[in-house]
Amino acid sequence: MIQRKAALLMAIAHPNRIRILEELRSGVKCNCELAPALGLEQSNLSRHLKVLTQAGILISWKDGLRVNFRIADERIFDVLDRIERVAAQDLSAVETEVS
């Protein structure tokens, strides 16, 4: 179980992968929609999507020429939301120390 936790955390531990997940928060998107929305080159996006898919965080399927992606388990957003709260709290503490 420790290895699985580490694998999931490593899969999301990149700013562009977090951005991808946040973009998919609103629902299914094609890689052709994700690239311009995130300002990523298609090859760069594909690498990040592959990591997230291999980790089981995303599900992908083809629809003609489109490759669609969706979140496999919406609870990943609970993890991201909790991390955001911790990060905001840490940032607030740092700002207080600097003042």
Protein backbone atom coordinates (compact mmCIF):
# COMPACT_ATOMS: atom_id res chain seq x y z
CA MET A 1 0.00 0.00 0.00
CA ILE A 2 2.90 2.37 0.71
CA GLN A 3 4.23 1.79 -2.81
CA ARG A 4 0.82 2.51 -4.33
CA LYS A 5 0.50 5.74 -2.33
CA ALA A 6 3.96 6.81 -3.44
CA ALA A 7 3.17 6.00 -7.08
CA LEU A 8 -0.01 8.08 -7.01
CA LEU A 9 1.72 11.02 -5.35
CA MET A 10 4.63 10.85 -7.80
CA ALA A 11 2.20 10.79 -10.72
CA ILE A 12 0.56 14.05 -9.65
CA ALA A 13 3.79 15.67 -8.42
CA HIS A 14 4.31 17.92 -11.42
CA PRO A 15 2.76 21.36 -11.99
CA ASN A 16 1.52 20.48 -15.49
CA ARG A 17 -0.11 17.27 -14.27
CA ILE A 18 -1.92 19.19 -11.56
CA ARG A 19 -3.03 21.68 -14.21
CA ILE A 20 -4.32 18.80 -16.35
CA LEU A 21 -6.30 17.39 -13.43
CA GLU A 22 -7.74 20.81 -12.63
CA GLU A 23 -8.76 21.24 -16.28
CA LEU A 24 -10.52 17.85 -16.17
CA ARG A 25 -12.36 18.82 -13.00
CA SER A 26 -15.11 20.21 -15.22
CA GLY A 27 -15.49 16.95 -17.15
CA VAL A 28 -14.26 14.93 -20.11
CA LYS A 29 -11.87 16.63 -22.49
CA CYS A 30 -10.04 15.65 -25.64
CA ASN A 31 -6.28 16.04 -25.79
CA CYS A 32 -7.00 18.47 -28.65
CA GLU A 33 -8.83 20.68 -26.12
CA LEU A 34 -6.32 20.26 -23.31
CA ALA A 35 -3.24 21.38 -25.27
CA PRO A 36 -4.49 24.88 -26.13
CA ALA A 37 -6.29 25.32 -22.79
CA LEU A 38 -3.05 24.64 -20.94
CA GLY A 39 -0.66 26.14 -23.47
CA LEU A 40 1.30 22.90 -23.76
CA GLU A 41 2.93 21.36 -26.81
CA GLN A 42 1.11 18.18 -27.86
CA SER A 43 4.19 15.99 -27.20
CA ASN A 44 4.65 17.45 -23.71
CA LEU A 45 0.95 17.02 -22.93
CA SER A 46 1.01 13.43 -24.19
CA ARG A 47 3.85 12.52 -21.83
CA HIS A 48 1.97 13.92 -18.84
CA LEU A 49 -1.29 12.26 -19.86
CA LYS A 50 0.54 8.94 -20.19
CA VAL A 51 1.94 9.20 -16.65
CA LEU A 52 -1.50 10.00 -15.23
CA THR A 53 -3.16 7.22 -17.23
CA GLN A 54 -0.55 4.60 -16.29
CA ALA A 55 -1.01 5.54 -12.63
CA GLY A 56 -4.74 4.88 -12.97
CA ILE A 57 -5.66 8.51 -12.30
CA LEU A 58 -7.06 9.08 -15.79
CA ILE A 59 -9.08 6.94 -18.15
CA SER A 60 -8.68 7.48 -21.88
CA TRP A 61 -10.57 6.25 -24.94
CA LYS A 62 -10.66 6.99 -28.64
CA ASP A 63 -13.64 8.53 -30.38
CA GLY A 64 -12.72 8.68 -34.06
CA LEU A 65 -9.61 10.86 -34.22
CA ARG A 66 -10.18 12.27 -30.72
CA VAL A 67 -8.59 10.82 -27.61
CA ASN A 68 -10.76 11.68 -24.63
CA PHE A 69 -9.71 11.76 -20.99
CA ARG A 70 -11.60 11.72 -17.74
CA ILE A 71 -10.75 11.33 -14.09
CA ALA A 72 -10.91 7.69 -12.97
CA ASP A 73 -11.85 8.53 -9.38
CA GLU A 74 -13.18 11.95 -8.41
CA ARG A 75 -11.64 11.55 -4.95
CA ILE A 76 -8.35 12.72 -6.47
CA PHE A 77 -9.86 16.20 -6.18
CA ASP A 78 -10.19 15.71 -2.42
CA VAL A 79 -6.42 15.12 -2.35
CA LEU A 80 -5.73 18.20 -4.47
CA ASP A 81 -8.09 20.35 -2.40
CA ARG A 82 -6.44 19.25 0.85
CA ILE A 83 -2.98 19.94 -0.55
CA GLU A 84 -4.16 23.37 -1.66
CA ARG A 85 -5.39 24.17 1.86
CA VAL A 86 -2.10 23.04 3.39
CA ALA A 87 -0.11 25.04 0.81
CA ALA A 88 -2.22 28.15 1.42
CA GLN A 89 -1.78 27.79 5.18
CA ASP A 90 1.99 27.35 4.77
CA LEU A 91 2.18 30.38 2.49
CA SER A 92 0.20 32.43 4.98
CA ALA A 93 2.58 31.42 7.78
CA VAL A 94 5.62 32.37 5.68
CA GLU A 95 4.09 35.75 4.82
CA THR A 96 3.40 36.37 8.52
CA GLU A 97 7.02 35.54 9.43
CA VAL A 98 8.35 37.91 6.78
CA SER A 99 6.15 40.83 7.91
